[in-house]
Amino acid sequence: MVTVNALARWFSRLSFIDWPLLLAFGLPFGLYILTLAPTVYNLDSAELTTAAATGGLVRATGYPLYLLLGWLWPWLPVGDVGYRMNLFSAFNGALTVALASLILRRWRVGLWAAVGALGLLASAPFFWALSVIAEVYTLHTALMAGLILLLLRWADHPTSLRLALVALLTGLSLGNHVATVLLLPGCAWYVLTVNPRRALSPRALGPTLLAFGLGLSIYLYLPWRYSANPAFNYAGHYDATGAFVPLNLQTPQGLWWLVTGRSFAGQMWAYQGAELWIEISNYIVQLWRSFFAIGIGPGLMGLVLLLRRDWRLGGMLLLMFGFTAAFYIDYRVIDKDTMFLPTYLVWALWMGVGYQGVLDWIGSPGSSKWLAQTERWLFPGLIMAATMLAVGWNWRLADQSDDWSTRTRGEAILEELQPNALIFGWWQTVPIIEYLQLVEGQRPDVKAINRFLIAPEDMRRLIQRELTRRPVYTDGSPPDLPNVEVKQVGPVFRLMLDEVEYVGQPTSAPENSPLNSHFILSR
């Protein structure tokens, strides 16, 4: 029988739990699990999932920290590998919110102000959507929040060890996403304005540079995996014979080319004049919608209050926000709306400070009794109502819990392909085929080539060469080739020579052949 004393001891143990922090992680994590994509998702998500699960390599900028952590994460015994990698994003999204709550706590932002700010961050459409599929961005924001916390801790007591920890996490964060470089001006500003003498002393510089190099050493994962000749490799290109020519990541030139994103150099700083103003306007509208309009005023108020309270700290966040927003506003890619998450984090922190400023004004000694009652009852109610309204409104935009379309499409394509087929496809086709092949063992006889990795002329020459040897397919927009007939078969197109009957591999495999050994992991 449980005694009163035993219950008292049990509750006393529970009192050591940081309940606000636990809820700051648990509530968004629960939300993301409810709306999590149930299996592998499309486009970059399928590429990252396959690379992480198989120890493979991806395009620029390499993302070695994500790939290494992603290789460990799928060992979780839940769902298929695609689901597990989606869950990794959910964990990092919730971790971002939890770390942001610790930042606001350090700034003496109360519970309700923090709930109002972080509730809108967690339910912002793009932040939510990228927390339910496999992507690198929520890990990026989690590392960013951790970096801000370490900088605040260093400012409390500027020691060489604490600055070295900042440098270590900065290096690791660069190993996840090179966009961390956009945060460095803010970090440098804060360190050099808080205590430049301590930061630049020889006693601090040595450990700091050593720790930074240790963090950056995560990039050694890329040449190590290159040496293993992984089955999945997007760091390279296909030639006209269909052979994959990998980028040599064991040379400084090859590694630097990948890490610096040279293949995307043409998309950087791409807008001018009226086009640039349109992109700026689009970002303002995106920010307005992301924080449900309600968060814009408090965010601006928090920006001003933080600058007035601590110009060093306020300047750091403003530089982080400004450099990130400016770069991606002027970046010409179709999916850049998903890349502004670091600015969302900064805006949510400003919102928390702004909300707290409103509460402090309401509760000031000179305020009326009615205002005091407003602080006690009405304001928390409004915050909860706004958060719940944002969750309800954005649910339909972010919910992927019933989206099996990527797996369904991939399996439908493989079902249509004849044995020993060659298929050329874009991002919505080839990464999911390679996931089903390399992660789940389906149809190893098929060769899939991403059209992003082969020059158009080389693809035409390869098709002409292979048409007499094997079945050839594309997922749409086949190249203009003479004497080639195009026939749609299910979701893909079969290419055949006019009036030439294909003679090659048998159209069906023996019943016990590995070609028929398809399987799907338990969902």
Protein backbone atom coordinates (compact mmCIF):
# COMPACT_ATOMS: atom_id res chain seq x y z
CA MET A 1 0.00 0.00 0.00
CA VAL A 2 1.31 3.42 -0.95
CA THR A 3 1.76 5.64 2.08
CA VAL A 4 1.40 9.41 2.28
CA ASN A 5 5.13 9.73 2.93
CA ALA A 6 5.95 7.65 -0.15
CA LEU A 7 3.72 9.89 -2.30
CA ALA A 8 5.36 12.96 -0.81
CA ARG A 9 8.82 11.63 -1.64
CA TRP A 10 7.68 10.79 -5.19
CA PHE A 11 6.30 14.30 -5.75
CA SER A 12 9.44 15.84 -4.26
CA ARG A 13 11.48 14.02 -6.89
CA LEU A 14 9.19 15.35 -9.62
CA SER A 15 9.78 18.88 -8.36
CA PHE A 16 13.30 18.72 -9.78
CA ILE A 17 11.93 18.31 -13.32
CA ASP A 18 12.00 21.48 -15.39
CA TRP A 19 8.34 21.29 -16.41
CA PRO A 20 8.27 24.46 -18.57
CA LEU A 21 11.26 23.18 -20.55
CA LEU A 22 9.74 19.72 -20.84
CA LEU A 23 6.49 21.18 -22.17
CA ALA A 24 8.36 23.51 -24.52
CA PHE A 25 9.81 20.39 -26.12
CA GLY A 26 6.94 17.95 -25.65
CA LEU A 27 4.03 20.00 -26.99
CA PRO A 28 5.54 20.81 -30.40
CA PHE A 29 7.04 17.33 -30.63
CA GLY A 30 3.59 15.83 -30.09
CA LEU A 31 2.14 18.18 -32.70
CA TYR A 32 4.79 17.17 -35.22
CA ILE A 33 4.32 13.45 -34.58
CA LEU A 34 0.59 13.80 -35.23
CA THR A 35 1.28 15.43 -38.59
CA LEU A 36 4.49 13.55 -39.51
CA ALA A 37 4.89 12.14 -43.00
CA PRO A 38 4.36 8.37 -42.57
CA THR A 39 7.12 7.27 -44.93
CA VAL A 40 9.80 8.63 -47.23
CA TYR A 41 8.99 12.06 -48.65
CA ASN A 42 9.87 13.51 -52.04
CA LEU A 43 12.59 15.63 -53.65
CA ASP A 44 15.53 16.63 -51.39
CA SER A 45 13.96 14.71 -48.53
CA ALA A 46 14.26 11.38 -50.37
CA GLU A 47 17.84 12.21 -51.37
CA LEU A 48 18.86 13.03 -47.78
CA THR A 49 17.07 9.98 -46.38
CA THR A 50 18.75 7.59 -48.81
CA ALA A 51 22.19 9.12 -48.33
CA ALA A 52 21.96 9.11 -44.54
CA ALA A 53 20.64 5.55 -44.34
CA THR A 54 23.23 4.09 -46.72
CA GLY A 55 26.29 6.15 -45.82
CA GLY A 56 26.06 7.94 -49.16
CA LEU A 57 26.88 11.44 -50.39
CA VAL A 58 24.65 14.31 -51.49
CA ARG A 59 25.02 17.49 -53.53
CA ALA A 60 26.55 20.72 -52.31
CA THR A 61 27.13 21.65 -49.61
CA GLY A 62 27.62 18.08 -48.39
CA TYR A 63 25.87 18.30 -44.96
CA PRO A 64 28.26 15.87 -43.21
CA LEU A 65 26.89 16.40 -39.69
CA TYR A 66 23.34 15.70 -40.85
CA LEU A 67 24.46 12.61 -42.78
CA LEU A 68 26.42 11.25 -39.82
CA LEU A 69 23.61 11.83 -37.30
CA GLY A 70 21.14 10.58 -39.88
CA TRP A 71 23.11 7.36 -40.26
CA LEU A 72 22.76 6.73 -36.49
CA TRP A 73 19.13 7.84 -36.12
CA PRO A 74 17.48 5.18 -38.38
CA TRP A 75 18.51 2.49 -35.89
CA LEU A 76 15.41 3.51 -33.91
CA PRO A 77 12.96 0.57 -34.09
CA VAL A 78 9.92 2.52 -35.29
CA GLY A 79 8.31 2.76 -38.74
CA ASP A 80 10.33 2.49 -41.93
CA VAL A 81 13.58 4.35 -42.54
CA GLY A 82 11.76 7.21 -44.24
CA TYR A 83 9.52 7.68 -41.20
CA ARG A 84 12.51 7.62 -38.85
CA MET A 85 14.31 10.37 -40.76
CA ASN A 86 11.13 12.45 -40.73
CA LEU A 87 11.04 11.90 -36.97
CA PHE A 88 14.59 13.26 -36.76
CA SER A 89 13.35 16.58 -38.18
CA ALA A 90 10.47 16.60 -35.67
CA PHE A 91 12.91 16.07 -32.81
CA ASN A 92 15.11 18.94 -34.00
CA GLY A 93 12.13 21.25 -34.52
CA ALA A 94 10.93 20.61 -30.96
CA LEU A 95 14.49 20.98 -29.67
CA THR A 96 14.70 24.40 -31.34
CA VAL A 97 11.58 25.53 -29.50
CA ALA A 98 12.87 24.17 -26.18
CA LEU A 99 16.25 25.92 -26.54
CA ALA A 100 14.50 29.14 -27.53
CA SER A 101 12.48 28.90 -24.30
CA LEU A 102 15.75 28.77 -22.35
CA ILE A 103 16.97 31.89 -24.18
CA LEU A 104 13.79 33.78 -23.30
CA ARG A 105 14.03 32.61 -19.70
CA ARG A 106 17.50 34.12 -19.46
CA TRP A 107 16.03 37.43 -20.63
CA ARG A 108 13.38 37.24 -17.88
CA VAL A 109 10.56 36.72 -20.35
CA GLY A 110 7.64 35.25 -18.42
CA LEU A 111 5.73 32.06 -19.13
CA TRP A 112 2.82 33.55 -21.04
CA ALA A 113 4.97 35.82 -23.19
CA ALA A 114 7.17 32.83 -24.06
CA VAL A 115 4.12 30.68 -24.85
CA GLY A 116 2.78 33.38 -27.18
CA ALA A 117 6.06 33.70 -29.07
CA LEU A 118 7.08 30.05 -29.24
CA GLY A 119 3.56 28.83 -29.99
CA LEU A 120 3.54 30.91 -33.16
CA LEU A 121 7.06 29.76 -34.04
CA ALA A 122 6.21 26.07 -33.62
CA SER A 123 3.06 26.42 -35.74
CA ALA A 124 4.50 28.72 -38.44
CA PRO A 125 3.69 26.98 -41.75
CA PHE A 126 7.22 26.46 -43.07
CA PHE A 127 8.77 25.70 -39.67
CA TRP A 128 6.03 23.14 -39.05
CA ALA A 129 6.21 21.69 -42.56
CA LEU A 130 9.98 21.21 -42.32
CA SER A 131 9.59 19.52 -38.95
CA VAL A 132 7.54 16.66 -40.42
CA ILE A 133 9.78 15.61 -43.34
CA ALA A 134 13.47 14.72 -43.56
CA GLU A 135 15.37 17.98 -44.09
CA VAL A 136 18.44 19.78 -42.74
CA TYR A 137 16.75 23.01 -41.64
CA THR A 138 15.40 22.18 -38.18
CA LEU A 139 18.79 20.79 -37.18
CA HIS A 140 20.21 24.11 -38.38
CA THR A 141 17.87 26.13 -36.15
CA ALA A 142 18.50 23.85 -33.16
CA LEU A 143 22.25 24.39 -33.53
CA MET A 144 21.66 28.13 -33.95
CA ALA A 145 19.63 28.30 -30.73
CA GLY A 146 22.34 26.33 -28.93
CA LEU A 147 24.97 28.74 -30.28
CA ILE A 148 23.06 31.76 -28.95
CA LEU A 149 22.79 30.10 -25.54
CA LEU A 150 26.53 29.42 -25.44
CA LEU A 151 27.26 33.03 -26.41
CA LEU A 152 25.03 34.30 -23.59
CA ARG A 153 26.78 31.95 -21.19
CA TRP A 154 30.18 33.22 -22.34
CA ALA A 155 29.06 36.81 -21.79
CA ASP A 156 28.11 35.95 -18.18
CA HIS A 157 31.67 34.86 -17.45
CA PRO A 158 34.09 35.24 -20.41
CA THR A 159 36.49 32.32 -20.02
CA SER A 160 38.64 30.64 -22.64
CA LEU A 161 36.78 27.36 -22.18
CA ARG A 162 33.36 28.93 -22.77
CA LEU A 163 34.58 30.70 -25.89
CA ALA A 164 36.07 27.43 -27.12
CA LEU A 165 32.66 25.76 -26.70
CA VAL A 166 31.14 28.52 -28.84
CA ALA A 167 33.77 27.89 -31.51
CA LEU A 168 33.27 24.11 -31.36
CA LEU A 169 29.51 24.38 -31.90
CA THR A 170 30.04 26.93 -34.68
CA GLY A 171 32.30 24.50 -36.52
CA LEU A 172 29.82 21.65 -36.08
CA SER A 173 26.96 23.87 -37.24
CA LEU A 174 28.91 24.74 -40.39
CA GLY A 175 29.19 20.98 -40.89
CA ASN A 176 25.42 20.74 -41.00
CA HIS A 177 24.72 23.81 -43.11
CA VAL A 178 27.16 26.32 -44.59
CA ALA A 179 24.46 28.98 -44.09
CA THR A 180 25.87 29.16 -40.54
CA VAL A 181 28.37 31.58 -42.09
CA LEU A 182 25.51 34.09 -42.22
CA LEU A 183 25.37 33.97 -38.42
CA LEU A 184 29.08 34.66 -37.96
CA PRO A 185 28.93 38.49 -38.27
CA GLY A 186 26.45 38.55 -35.38
CA CYS A 187 28.57 36.16 -33.31
CA ALA A 188 31.74 38.19 -33.94
CA TRP A 189 29.93 41.42 -33.10
CA TYR A 190 28.73 40.07 -29.77
CA VAL A 191 32.06 38.56 -28.73
CA LEU A 192 34.09 41.64 -29.71
CA THR A 193 31.73 44.15 -28.09
CA VAL A 194 31.18 42.25 -24.84
CA ASN A 195 34.82 41.62 -23.96
CA PRO A 196 37.28 42.14 -26.84
CA ARG A 197 40.36 41.99 -24.65
CA ARG A 198 39.46 38.58 -23.26
CA ALA A 199 38.32 37.24 -26.65
CA LEU A 200 41.46 38.32 -28.52
CA SER A 201 44.00 37.40 -25.86
CA PRO A 202 46.57 34.77 -26.95
CA ARG A 203 45.39 32.62 -24.08
CA ALA A 204 41.87 32.49 -25.57
CA LEU A 205 42.67 32.51 -29.28
CA GLY A 206 44.58 29.21 -29.25
CA PRO A 207 41.85 27.06 -27.68
CA THR A 208 39.18 28.88 -29.70
CA LEU A 209 40.86 28.17 -33.05
CA LEU A 210 41.60 24.59 -32.00
CA ALA A 211 37.97 24.00 -31.01
CA PHE A 212 36.71 25.59 -34.23
CA GLY A 213 38.98 23.30 -36.25
CA LEU A 214 37.77 20.31 -34.25
CA GLY A 215 34.18 21.19 -35.09
CA LEU A 216 35.00 21.65 -38.77
CA SER A 217 36.73 18.26 -38.81
CA ILE A 218 33.24 16.79 -39.27
CA TYR A 219 33.89 17.48 -42.98
CA LEU A 220 36.40 14.62 -42.95
CA TYR A 221 33.33 12.39 -43.06
CA LEU A 222 32.95 13.29 -46.75
CA PRO A 223 36.36 12.08 -48.03
CA TRP A 224 36.05 9.05 -45.75
CA ARG A 225 32.74 8.06 -47.32
CA TYR A 226 34.10 8.87 -50.78
CA SER A 227 36.90 6.36 -50.22
CA ALA A 228 34.26 3.68 -49.54
CA ASN A 229 32.74 4.20 -53.03
CA PRO A 230 29.16 4.42 -51.70
CA ALA A 231 26.29 3.10 -53.79
CA PHE A 232 24.46 6.41 -53.43
CA ASN A 233 26.49 9.42 -54.54
CA TYR A 234 25.17 12.74 -55.88
CA ALA A 235 28.56 14.50 -55.67
CA GLY A 236 29.56 14.03 -59.29
CA HIS A 237 28.03 13.51 -62.73
CA TYR A 238 27.21 10.87 -65.35
CA ASP A 239 29.03 10.81 -68.68
CA ALA A 240 27.73 9.79 -72.10
CA THR A 241 28.48 6.12 -71.43
CA GLY A 242 26.31 6.05 -68.31
CA ALA A 243 29.29 5.80 -65.99
CA PHE A 244 29.20 7.90 -62.83
CA VAL A 245 32.20 10.21 -62.44
CA PRO A 246 32.44 11.12 -58.75
CA LEU A 247 33.87 14.40 -57.56
CA ASN A 248 37.18 13.57 -55.88
CA LEU A 249 36.50 14.55 -52.28
CA GLN A 250 39.97 13.43 -51.21
CA THR A 251 41.50 16.48 -52.88
CA PRO A 252 41.26 19.97 -51.34
CA GLN A 253 39.91 21.35 -54.63
CA GLY A 254 37.11 18.78 -54.87
CA LEU A 255 36.09 19.10 -51.25
CA TRP A 256 36.12 22.91 -51.44
CA TRP A 257 34.04 22.88 -54.64
CA LEU A 258 31.35 20.80 -52.94
CA VAL A 259 31.35 22.59 -49.59
CA THR A 260 31.18 26.10 -51.03
CA GLY A 261 28.24 25.25 -53.26
CA ARG A 262 29.94 26.25 -56.51
CA SER A 263 27.24 24.44 -58.50
CA PHE A 264 24.73 27.00 -57.17
CA ALA A 265 26.92 30.09 -57.59
CA GLY A 266 24.78 31.35 -60.46
CA GLN A 267 21.71 31.49 -58.20
CA MET A 268 23.37 33.71 -55.57
CA TRP A 269 22.82 37.49 -55.60
CA ALA A 270 20.68 36.99 -58.69
CA TYR A 271 18.06 39.77 -58.43
CA GLN A 272 18.34 43.46 -59.23
CA GLY A 273 16.11 46.50 -59.41
CA ALA A 274 12.36 45.86 -59.53
CA GLU A 275 12.83 42.09 -59.26
CA LEU A 276 14.68 42.52 -55.97
CA TRP A 277 11.91 44.71 -54.55
CA ILE A 278 9.39 42.03 -55.47
CA GLU A 279 11.44 39.42 -53.58
CA ILE A 280 11.68 41.71 -50.55
CA SER A 281 7.92 42.19 -50.63
CA ASN A 282 7.38 38.43 -50.92
CA TYR A 283 9.51 37.82 -47.85
CA ILE A 284 7.61 40.44 -45.82
CA VAL A 285 4.34 38.78 -46.81
CA GLN A 286 5.79 35.38 -45.88
CA LEU A 287 6.85 36.65 -42.46
CA TRP A 288 3.41 38.23 -41.97
CA ARG A 289 1.66 34.94 -42.77
CA SER A 290 4.11 32.80 -40.83
CA PHE A 291 3.41 34.63 -37.58
CA PHE A 292 -0.27 34.96 -38.36
CA ALA A 293 0.01 38.79 -38.51
CA ILE A 294 -0.42 38.78 -34.70
CA GLY A 295 3.31 38.43 -34.12
CA ILE A 296 4.51 41.29 -36.32
CA GLY A 297 3.84 44.14 -33.89
CA PRO A 298 5.30 42.36 -30.82
CA GLY A 299 8.31 41.30 -32.91
CA LEU A 300 9.11 44.87 -33.92
CA MET A 301 8.55 46.05 -30.35
CA GLY A 302 10.89 43.33 -29.04
CA LEU A 303 13.58 44.34 -31.54
CA VAL A 304 13.51 47.93 -30.27
CA LEU A 305 13.34 46.94 -26.58
CA LEU A 306 16.26 44.53 -26.89
CA LEU A 307 18.41 47.13 -28.66
CA ARG A 308 17.64 49.69 -25.94
CA ARG A 309 18.23 47.21 -23.11
CA ASP A 310 21.45 45.67 -24.46
CA TRP A 311 22.76 47.07 -27.74
CA ARG A 312 25.37 44.31 -27.96
CA LEU A 313 22.83 41.52 -27.73
CA GLY A 314 20.28 43.36 -29.85
CA GLY A 315 22.93 43.99 -32.49
CA MET A 316 23.87 40.31 -32.59
CA LEU A 317 20.31 39.18 -33.32
CA LEU A 318 19.77 41.99 -35.83
CA LEU A 319 22.90 40.98 -37.75
CA MET A 320 21.90 37.29 -37.71
CA PHE A 321 18.46 38.19 -39.00
CA GLY A 322 19.66 40.72 -41.56
CA PHE A 323 22.42 38.67 -43.19
CA THR A 324 20.24 35.54 -43.43
CA ALA A 325 17.22 37.40 -44.82
CA ALA A 326 19.31 39.38 -47.32
CA PHE A 327 21.09 36.32 -48.71
CA TYR A 328 18.00 34.21 -49.25
CA ILE A 329 15.87 37.09 -50.55
CA ASP A 330 18.48 37.47 -53.32
CA TYR A 331 18.81 33.71 -53.95
CA ARG A 332 17.11 32.50 -57.14
CA VAL A 333 15.78 29.02 -56.31
CA ILE A 334 12.19 27.83 -56.34
CA ASP A 335 12.20 26.39 -52.82
CA LYS A 336 13.88 29.27 -50.98
CA ASP A 337 10.77 29.89 -48.87
CA THR A 338 11.89 26.91 -46.81
CA MET A 339 15.30 28.47 -46.10
CA PHE A 340 14.29 31.42 -43.92
CA LEU A 341 13.88 29.40 -40.71
CA PRO A 342 16.80 31.12 -38.89
CA THR A 343 14.98 34.44 -39.33
CA TYR A 344 11.86 32.85 -37.85
CA LEU A 345 13.82 31.89 -34.74
CA VAL A 346 15.15 35.43 -34.28
CA TRP A 347 11.68 36.89 -34.85
CA ALA A 348 10.17 34.58 -32.23
CA LEU A 349 12.79 35.73 -29.71
CA TRP A 350 11.92 39.36 -30.48
CA MET A 351 8.24 38.49 -30.10
CA GLY A 352 8.83 37.07 -26.62
CA VAL A 353 10.58 40.26 -25.54
CA GLY A 354 7.80 42.35 -27.10
CA TYR A 355 5.03 40.40 -25.38
CA GLN A 356 6.86 40.76 -22.07
CA GLY A 357 7.16 44.50 -22.68
CA VAL A 358 3.39 44.73 -23.04
CA LEU A 359 2.88 42.72 -19.84
CA ASP A 360 5.36 44.88 -17.93
CA TRP A 361 3.54 48.02 -19.05
CA ILE A 362 0.16 46.60 -18.05
CA GLY A 363 1.47 45.57 -14.64
CA SER A 364 3.35 48.81 -13.90
CA PRO A 365 2.49 50.61 -10.62
CA GLY A 366 0.75 53.47 -12.39
CA SER A 367 -1.58 51.27 -14.38
CA SER A 368 -5.27 50.97 -13.61
CA LYS A 369 -6.97 48.08 -11.82
CA TRP A 370 -8.62 47.10 -15.08
CA LEU A 371 -5.23 46.78 -16.76
CA ALA A 372 -3.99 44.63 -13.89
CA GLN A 373 -6.94 42.28 -14.39
CA THR A 374 -6.17 42.27 -18.11
CA GLU A 375 -2.67 41.05 -17.37
CA ARG A 376 -3.98 38.33 -15.08
CA TRP A 377 -6.74 36.88 -17.22
CA LEU A 378 -7.32 38.48 -20.62
CA PHE A 379 -3.77 38.57 -21.99
CA PRO A 380 -3.01 34.86 -21.32
CA GLY A 381 -6.37 34.00 -22.83
CA LEU A 382 -5.60 36.01 -25.96
CA ILE A 383 -2.19 34.35 -26.26
CA MET A 384 -3.69 30.87 -26.01
CA ALA A 385 -6.45 31.76 -28.46
CA ALA A 386 -3.95 33.12 -30.99
CA THR A 387 -1.76 30.03 -30.67
CA MET A 388 -4.67 27.61 -31.04
CA LEU A 389 -6.01 29.60 -33.99
CA ALA A 390 -2.61 29.43 -35.70
CA VAL A 391 -2.37 25.68 -35.07
CA GLY A 392 -5.87 25.08 -36.45
CA TRP A 393 -5.37 27.31 -39.46
CA ASN A 394 -1.93 26.01 -40.43
CA TRP A 395 -2.69 22.33 -39.77
CA ARG A 396 -4.02 21.81 -43.27
CA LEU A 397 -0.89 23.42 -44.74
CA ALA A 398 1.62 21.34 -42.79
CA ASP A 399 -0.14 18.01 -42.17
CA GLN A 400 1.55 15.16 -44.04
CA SER A 401 0.22 12.30 -41.91
CA ASP A 402 -1.72 10.74 -44.82
CA ASP A 403 0.80 11.47 -47.56
CA TRP A 404 1.93 8.14 -49.01
CA SER A 405 2.17 9.62 -52.50
CA THR A 406 5.95 9.47 -52.82
CA ARG A 407 6.16 5.78 -51.96
CA THR A 408 3.09 5.02 -54.08
CA ARG A 409 4.58 6.81 -57.08
CA GLY A 410 7.95 5.11 -56.70
CA GLU A 411 6.45 1.65 -56.43
CA ALA A 412 4.09 2.33 -59.36
CA ILE A 413 7.05 3.33 -61.53
CA LEU A 414 9.05 0.24 -60.58
CA GLU A 415 6.01 -1.90 -61.33
CA GLU A 416 5.91 -0.55 -64.90
CA LEU A 417 9.62 -0.88 -65.66
CA GLN A 418 10.74 -3.97 -67.53
CA PRO A 419 13.73 -5.95 -66.24
CA ASN A 420 17.15 -4.33 -66.64
CA ALA A 421 15.51 -1.00 -67.47
CA LEU A 422 17.23 2.39 -67.58
CA ILE A 423 15.22 5.40 -66.42
CA PHE A 424 16.05 9.10 -66.53
CA GLY A 425 14.12 11.31 -64.16
CA TRP A 426 14.03 14.50 -62.14
CA TRP A 427 13.89 14.97 -58.37
CA GLN A 428 10.32 13.74 -57.98
CA THR A 429 11.26 10.38 -59.52
CA VAL A 430 14.86 9.20 -59.18
CA PRO A 431 15.56 9.77 -55.45
CA ILE A 432 12.50 7.73 -54.44
CA ILE A 433 13.46 4.92 -56.84
CA GLU A 434 16.95 4.87 -55.33
CA TYR A 435 15.49 4.85 -51.82
CA LEU A 436 13.35 1.81 -52.66
CA GLN A 437 16.35 0.11 -54.26
CA LEU A 438 19.15 0.86 -51.81
CA VAL A 439 17.26 1.06 -48.51
CA GLU A 440 14.47 -1.48 -49.05
CA GLY A 441 16.01 -3.78 -51.67
CA GLN A 442 13.43 -3.33 -54.42
CA ARG A 443 14.33 -3.80 -58.11
CA PRO A 444 18.14 -3.79 -58.04
CA ASP A 445 18.10 -4.55 -61.79
CA VAL A 446 16.90 -1.02 -62.64
CA LYS A 447 19.38 1.77 -63.28
CA ALA A 448 18.10 5.26 -62.44
CA ILE A 449 19.90 8.45 -63.48
CA ASN A 450 18.96 11.85 -62.13
CA ARG A 451 18.78 14.27 -65.05
CA PHE A 452 20.33 16.94 -62.81
CA LEU A 453 23.55 14.89 -62.85
CA ILE A 454 23.94 14.44 -66.61
CA ALA A 455 24.41 17.01 -69.36
CA PRO A 456 21.54 17.09 -71.92
CA GLU A 457 23.82 16.15 -74.85
CA ASP A 458 25.36 13.28 -72.88
CA MET A 459 21.86 12.05 -72.02
CA ARG A 460 20.82 12.05 -75.69
CA ARG A 461 23.94 10.09 -76.68
CA LEU A 462 23.40 7.60 -73.86
CA ILE A 463 19.76 7.06 -74.82
CA GLN A 464 20.68 6.42 -78.46
CA ARG A 465 23.31 3.94 -77.33
CA GLU A 466 21.08 2.07 -74.89
CA LEU A 467 17.86 1.88 -76.93
CA THR A 468 19.06 -1.26 -78.73
CA ARG A 469 20.30 -2.87 -75.50
CA ARG A 470 17.66 -2.36 -72.83
CA PRO A 471 14.30 -0.72 -72.10
CA VAL A 472 14.69 3.05 -71.66
CA TYR A 473 12.25 5.34 -69.84
CA THR A 474 11.92 8.97 -68.80
CA ASP A 475 9.56 10.61 -66.32
CA GLY A 476 8.51 13.34 -68.75
CA SER A 477 9.83 15.83 -71.29
CA PRO A 478 11.89 13.27 -73.21
CA PRO A 479 14.71 14.74 -75.32
CA ASP A 480 14.06 15.38 -78.99
CA LEU A 481 15.61 12.38 -80.74
CA PRO A 482 15.20 11.25 -84.34
CA ASN A 483 13.46 7.94 -85.04
CA VAL A 484 12.40 7.52 -81.42
CA GLU A 485 8.82 6.71 -80.49
CA VAL A 486 7.49 7.81 -77.09
CA LYS A 487 4.79 5.75 -75.38
CA GLN A 488 3.31 6.49 -71.98
CA VAL A 489 3.19 3.53 -69.61
CA GLY A 490 1.66 4.45 -66.27
CA PRO A 491 3.48 7.41 -64.72
CA VAL A 492 6.50 7.22 -67.08
CA PHE A 493 7.31 7.24 -70.79
CA ARG A 494 8.91 4.36 -72.72
CA LEU A 495 11.36 5.35 -75.48
CA MET A 496 11.58 2.96 -78.46
CA LEU A 497 13.16 3.03 -81.87
CA ASP A 498 10.61 3.40 -84.67
CA GLU A 499 9.68 0.08 -86.30
CA VAL A 500 12.38 -1.75 -84.38
CA GLU A 501 11.31 -4.43 -81.97
CA TYR A 502 13.37 -4.42 -78.80
CA VAL A 503 15.26 -7.68 -78.31
CA GLY A 504 17.13 -8.08 -75.08
CA GLN A 505 16.39 -9.16 -71.55
CA PRO A 506 13.30 -11.33 -70.96
CA THR A 507 10.16 -9.40 -70.17
CA SER A 508 9.66 -11.31 -66.95
CA ALA A 509 11.96 -12.87 -64.42
CA PRO A 510 11.72 -16.44 -63.13
CA GLU A 511 9.53 -16.80 -60.12
CA ASN A 512 12.48 -17.29 -57.78
CA SER A 513 14.61 -14.55 -59.34
CA PRO A 514 15.91 -11.69 -57.19
CA LEU A 515 14.11 -9.40 -59.64
CA ASN A 516 10.85 -10.45 -58.05
CA SER A 517 12.03 -10.26 -54.46
CA HIS A 518 10.33 -6.94 -53.71
CA PHE A 519 9.62 -6.13 -50.12
CA ILE A 520 8.43 -3.20 -48.08
CA LEU A 521 9.45 -2.70 -44.48
CA SER A 522 6.67 -2.76 -41.94
CA ARG A 523 4.79 0.52 -41.79
